[in-house]
Amino acid sequence: MPLEFNFARKDSDGHWIENTYIHKSPNGCSSFRNLMGTEWTKIMNGLGVKKATCPIPPGIYTARGLDTSIFLNINSPKTFIYGTYKIRSFFSRFKGVYMAVLL
């Protein structure tokens, strides 16, 4: 199932500039696991997935909280252009969205 991250950046007038950065991966779960690196288990536990494997089993998961400092250790760019960002993450197949997360 494909994974997509879509970043929007707030401009100086307070308007959101959509599609500032887009990342698409064909194999969502394994791509996300590789992106999260050594923090995969901590992130999935924080999102309510206790025994995270790929693919993630269907179910209802309740996110209890996540220590955001662990994102400093993931396999992603450590710096972006200065500003405020909104991140949308989608697991989708064809035209249907199966999961969405807004950060």
C-alpha atoms as a PDB file:
ATOM      1  CA  MET A   1       0.000   0.000   0.000  1.00  0.00           C
ATOM      2  CA  PRO A   2       1.576   3.340  -1.040  1.00  0.00           C
ATOM      3  CA  LEU A   3       2.596   5.987   1.499  1.00  0.00           C
ATOM      4  CA  GLU A   4       2.544   9.718   0.798  1.00  0.00           C
ATOM      5  CA  PHE A   5       3.801  12.648   2.865  1.00  0.00           C
ATOM      6  CA  ASN A   6       2.588  16.091   1.851  1.00  0.00           C
ATOM      7  CA  PHE A   7       4.090  19.161   3.546  1.00  0.00           C
ATOM      8  CA  ALA A   8       2.502  22.607   3.550  1.00  0.00           C
ATOM      9  CA  ARG A   9       4.394  25.707   4.731  1.00  0.00           C
ATOM     10  CA  LYS A  10       2.897  28.824   6.255  1.00  0.00           C
ATOM     11  CA  ASP A  11       3.933  32.007   4.405  1.00  0.00           C
ATOM     12  CA  SER A  12       4.630  35.413   5.963  1.00  0.00           C
ATOM     13  CA  ASP A  13       0.955  36.417   5.572  1.00  0.00           C
ATOM     14  CA  GLY A  14      -0.240  33.340   7.472  1.00  0.00           C
ATOM     15  CA  HIS A  15      -1.514  31.450   4.403  1.00  0.00           C
ATOM     16  CA  TRP A  16      -0.661  27.814   3.827  1.00  0.00           C
ATOM     17  CA  ILE A  17       1.371  26.994   0.712  1.00  0.00           C
ATOM     18  CA  GLU A  18       0.287  23.463  -0.117  1.00  0.00           C
ATOM     19  CA  ASN A  19       2.555  20.820  -1.676  1.00  0.00           C
ATOM     20  CA  THR A  20       5.790  22.464  -0.501  1.00  0.00           C
ATOM     21  CA  TYR A  21       7.390  19.035  -0.255  1.00  0.00           C
ATOM     22  CA  ILE A  22       5.898  15.732  -1.428  1.00  0.00           C
ATOM     23  CA  HIS A  23       7.307  12.269  -0.773  1.00  0.00           C
ATOM     24  CA  LYS A  24       5.714   9.122  -2.225  1.00  0.00           C
ATOM     25  CA  SER A  25       6.761   5.528  -1.596  1.00  0.00           C
ATOM     26  CA  PRO A  26       5.181   2.467  -3.221  1.00  0.00           C
ATOM     27  CA  ASN A  27       5.588   0.146  -0.197  1.00  0.00           C
ATOM     28  CA  GLY A  28       4.168   2.242   2.621  1.00  0.00           C
ATOM     29  CA  CYS A  29       4.847   0.173   5.722  1.00  0.00           C
ATOM     30  CA  SER A  30       8.414  -0.888   4.912  1.00  0.00           C
ATOM     31  CA  SER A  31       9.228   2.599   3.571  1.00  0.00           C
ATOM     32  CA  PHE A  32       7.922   4.171   6.790  1.00  0.00           C
ATOM     33  CA  ARG A  33       9.886   1.640   8.871  1.00  0.00           C
ATOM     34  CA  ASN A  34      13.078   2.497   6.967  1.00  0.00           C
ATOM     35  CA  LEU A  35      12.410   6.226   7.353  1.00  0.00           C
ATOM     36  CA  MET A  36      11.905   5.855  11.126  1.00  0.00           C
ATOM     37  CA  GLY A  37      15.090   3.778  11.477  1.00  0.00           C
ATOM     38  CA  THR A  38      16.007   2.766  15.029  1.00  0.00           C
ATOM     39  CA  GLU A  39      13.034   4.699  16.441  1.00  0.00           C
ATOM     40  CA  TRP A  40      10.432   2.544  14.601  1.00  0.00           C
ATOM     41  CA  THR A  41       9.342   0.594  17.700  1.00  0.00           C
ATOM     42  CA  LYS A  42       9.063   3.691  19.932  1.00  0.00           C
ATOM     43  CA  ILE A  43       7.028   5.553  17.320  1.00  0.00           C
ATOM     44  CA  MET A  44       4.670   2.659  16.670  1.00  0.00           C
ATOM     45  CA  ASN A  45       4.164   2.101  20.424  1.00  0.00           C
ATOM     46  CA  GLY A  46       3.325   5.797  20.787  1.00  0.00           C
ATOM     47  CA  LEU A  47       0.789   5.451  17.976  1.00  0.00           C
ATOM     48  CA  GLY A  48      -0.835   2.500  19.742  1.00  0.00           C
ATOM     49  CA  VAL A  49       0.623  -0.325  17.617  1.00  0.00           C
ATOM     50  CA  LYS A  50       2.275  -2.654  20.128  1.00  0.00           C
ATOM     51  CA  LYS A  51       3.726  -5.400  17.930  1.00  0.00           C
ATOM     52  CA  ALA A  52       4.495  -3.478  14.773  1.00  0.00           C
ATOM     53  CA  THR A  53       5.184  -5.665  11.776  1.00  0.00           C
ATOM     54  CA  CYS A  54       4.712  -5.004   8.086  1.00  0.00           C
ATOM     55  CA  PRO A  55       1.995  -4.964   7.075  1.00  0.00           C
ATOM     56  CA  ILE A  56       0.359  -3.453  10.157  1.00  0.00           C
ATOM     57  CA  PRO A  57      -2.659  -5.608  11.037  1.00  0.00           C
ATOM     58  CA  PRO A  58      -6.095  -4.006  10.545  1.00  0.00           C
ATOM     59  CA  GLY A  59      -7.538  -2.588  13.719  1.00  0.00           C
ATOM     60  CA  ILE A  60      -8.307   0.468  15.771  1.00  0.00           C
ATOM     61  CA  TYR A  61      -5.230   1.996  17.359  1.00  0.00           C
ATOM     62  CA  THR A  62      -5.334   4.723  20.006  1.00  0.00           C
ATOM     63  CA  ALA A  63      -2.321   7.026  20.137  1.00  0.00           C
ATOM     64  CA  ARG A  64      -1.518   7.728  23.784  1.00  0.00           C
ATOM     65  CA  GLY A  65       1.318  10.139  23.130  1.00  0.00           C
ATOM     66  CA  LEU A  66       4.699  10.343  21.560  1.00  0.00           C
ATOM     67  CA  ASP A  67       7.971  11.895  22.698  1.00  0.00           C
ATOM     68  CA  THR A  68       8.697  14.139  19.722  1.00  0.00           C
ATOM     69  CA  SER A  69      12.430  14.265  20.517  1.00  0.00           C
ATOM     70  CA  ILE A  70      12.787  10.785  18.977  1.00  0.00           C
ATOM     71  CA  PHE A  71      12.230  12.369  15.565  1.00  0.00           C
ATOM     72  CA  LEU A  72      15.760  13.789  15.832  1.00  0.00           C
ATOM     73  CA  ASN A  73      17.085  10.251  15.316  1.00  0.00           C
ATOM     74  CA  ILE A  74      15.069   9.192  12.256  1.00  0.00           C
ATOM     75  CA  ASN A  75      16.346   8.886   8.682  1.00  0.00           C
ATOM     76  CA  SER A  76      14.991  12.184   7.356  1.00  0.00           C
ATOM     77  CA  PRO A  77      16.383  15.623   6.580  1.00  0.00           C
ATOM     78  CA  LYS A  78      17.301  17.345   9.840  1.00  0.00           C
ATOM     79  CA  THR A  79      16.714  20.844   8.518  1.00  0.00           C
ATOM     80  CA  PHE A  80      14.104  22.504   6.363  1.00  0.00           C
ATOM     81  CA  ILE A  81      13.695  26.079   5.246  1.00  0.00           C
ATOM     82  CA  TYR A  82      12.742  28.165   8.303  1.00  0.00           C
ATOM     83  CA  GLY A  83       8.999  28.256   8.897  1.00  0.00           C
ATOM     84  CA  THR A  84       5.920  26.512  10.209  1.00  0.00           C
ATOM     85  CA  TYR A  85       4.924  23.258   8.522  1.00  0.00           C
ATOM     86  CA  LYS A  86       1.812  21.109   8.379  1.00  0.00           C
ATOM     87  CA  ILE A  87       2.392  17.462   7.466  1.00  0.00           C
ATOM     88  CA  ARG A  88      -0.245  15.135   6.050  1.00  0.00           C
ATOM     89  CA  SER A  89       0.535  11.451   5.783  1.00  0.00           C
ATOM     90  CA  PHE A  90      -1.606   8.997   3.808  1.00  0.00           C
ATOM     91  CA  PHE A  91      -1.639   5.257   3.295  1.00  0.00           C
ATOM     92  CA  SER A  92      -3.764   4.820   0.208  1.00  0.00           C
ATOM     93  CA  ARG A  93      -4.647   2.436  -2.555  1.00  0.00           C
ATOM     94  CA  PHE A  94      -5.916   3.746  -5.879  1.00  0.00           C
ATOM     95  CA  LYS A  95      -8.532   6.412  -5.053  1.00  0.00           C
ATOM     96  CA  GLY A  96      -9.277   5.352  -1.461  1.00  0.00           C
ATOM     97  CA  VAL A  97      -7.438   6.584   1.604  1.00  0.00           C
ATOM     98  CA  TYR A  98      -7.004   3.887   4.251  1.00  0.00           C
ATOM     99  CA  MET A  99      -5.288   5.960   6.940  1.00  0.00           C
ATOM    100  CA  ALA A 100      -4.422   9.616   7.313  1.00  0.00           C
ATOM    101  CA  VAL A 101      -2.386  11.428   9.942  1.00  0.00           C
ATOM    102  CA  LEU A 102      -2.155  15.184  10.286  1.00  0.00           C
ATOM    103  CA  LEU A 103       0.775  16.581  12.288  1.00  0.00           C
END
